Amino acid sequence: MDYFPLFCQLHNKACLLVGAGEVAERKARLLLDAGADLLVNATSFSAQFEVWEAEGKVRLLRGEFSPLLVDEKWLVIAATDSDVVNQQVSQAAEQRRVFCNVVDAPESASFIMPSIIDRSPLMIAVSSGGNAPVLARLLRERLEAILPQHLGKLADTAGQLRQRVKTHFQDMSQRRRWWEKLFNHHRLAQSLANNDTQQSNAYIEELFSQPVEHHGEVVLVGAGPGDAGLLTLKGLQQMQLADVVVYDRLVSDAVLNLVRRDAERIFVGKRAGHHCVPQERINDILLEQAKLGKRVVRLKGGDPFIFGRGGEELEALKAEGIAFSVVPGITAASGCSAYSGIPLTHRDHAQSVRLITGHAKQDGKLDWACLAQGKQTLVFYMGLTQAADIQANLLKNGLAATTPVALVENGTTQRQRVITGELSSLSQLAKQVESPSLIIVGSVVSLRKQLNWFASETAS
C-alpha cells in the first residue's frame, strides 16, 4: 500500500492554502465544502477568491510565503506556479509534522488528494498514487455514472435508523439481512430521491413489519438489443443487486457479463440441445425464487413490454402478491435500425412506425390492408419463418413490389449483418440470415446507403 487512505474531519479546522490561481481555486472549493477554516496566502488573488473573502468564506493574506503560516494548521496545500515556493511550503509543513499536499508533485507531498465521488455522507475516493491522475479521473467519471444521486439520502436514512434496527433485531445476521433489504429497496430509494417522506416512511415500516426473509421481489429489466453499451444505468444497477437472474437467449453475452458475479443464473430460453421453457414454467420460476425472499431480475432482450411477454409475467406475480417493478430497455426496432443507418421515421419517407410480431396467437389476425399503406415503416419481430406470408400479404394488399426491405441479424453487436433488397424478394432474403433477425419494410431503408455508420458492419 503506497498511501494509507484516510478521510479527514476538517469542519472549523484551520487550514492553509498557498496560491490563488485556477488550480488553487479547485483545491479551495474542496476545503470549503469540507467546512475548513481557510487561510489563503498569495501575492495576488483571482476574482473568485475576492468574492469568497467578501462573503466571509475565506481569509486572504497578500504577500510572500512565510513558514510561520504553517503553525497550528491541520492541513496545508501548496498550489502556486513556483516549484521553489511549493517546496518551501512542503519543507515547512514537514518540519512541523503537518500534512501537506503539493500540486503536480506527489513526491514532495505527505498526502495526495484523490478524485472524489460525493454522495454525502457517502464518500468514495479514487487515487492512482499520483502516477496516473487522468486514469483516476476516468474511473471517477464511470463511477459517477453508475452510482445513483440518491445514495446520500439513503445513507442519511440508514444513520437515523441504526439504533432502531439494533433494538428491533437482536440477532446480528437478521440485522445484516434487514440492512441488505433496505439498501436494495429501489422503490424506497426512488421515493427518497423524490423527497416523498410519506412514501419513504411507509416502505420503511413495511420492512420492519415483515420477516426479513420474506421480502422477495422481481424486477423486469430490458437488456436492450445486444450491445452492452445500450443497457440503461438503472438496468445495470438492478443487475448488480440481483440474487437471481432469469434470462433468455436474446440477452447477449456482453450484457450477461455485467451481472453480479455471485448471482445465480437461470436460463429459460431456447438454444441448440435445449428445449424452450414454457411461459407458464418461467412464471413459476419467478414466483418460486421471489417467495424464497430473493431479489430476482428477469432479464429480457430489448424492452420487456414490446413483444417480450413482460405483461404476462407481471400478471402472474400480481396474482400471488409478489412485489415487482419494471426497467425499460431499448427495443430491437430502435437499436437495430439505428445501427443499420435506417431511421424509423423521416419527413420524406415515413410519418409513423408499426411494430408487428411474427409470433401472434393462433387467432391473432393482422390488418394487412392497413399495414400495406404508404408513408410508414413496418418492423416485424421474429418474422423470419413468416417472411413468405409477410411478402404475399403486403403485395396482395397493394404495397409496391419495389418497396425497400432490410433484414438485420444480430443487430447492434459486432456480428451484425444487414441484408437489403425489395419486398418482392423478401422470402428469398430471409433464407440468407439467421435468428435473431428483424425485418424492416419501408422507403426509409433506402437511406441506409448514405446513413450507415456502424464500423463493424460488413454485409449489405
Foldseek 3Di string as FASTA:
>chain_A
DLDDDDDDQAAAFEEEEEAADPVSVVVVVVNLVSNHAYEYEEQDHDPVVVVCVVVVSYHYDHDQDDLVVLPRGQEYEYDHPDPVSLLVNLVSCVVVVHFYHYPLCLVSGPDYAFDWDDLPVDIDGFDPSSPCRVVRVVVSVVVNQQDDSLVNVLVVVCVVCVVVLVVLDVDPVQSVLLVLCSVLVVVLSVCSVVVVVVVNVVVVVVSSVDRSQAQFAEEEAACEQEPNVQGHSVSLVLQQSFQEEEEEPRRYPVNVVSGNPNHHYHYQYDDVPDDHHDPVVVLVVSVVQRRRSTYYYYYYYAFCVQPNCNVVSVVSCVVVVHHYYYHTGHHCVVQQCLLLQFDQADPVWADEEDEEELDDPPPDDDPLLVVLDGRGKYKYFPCLVVLVVNLVSSVVNPRDQQWKKKKWASGPDLPIEIDIGGSVCRNVVSVVYDPPIMMMTINSSVSSVPRNDNPSYDYD
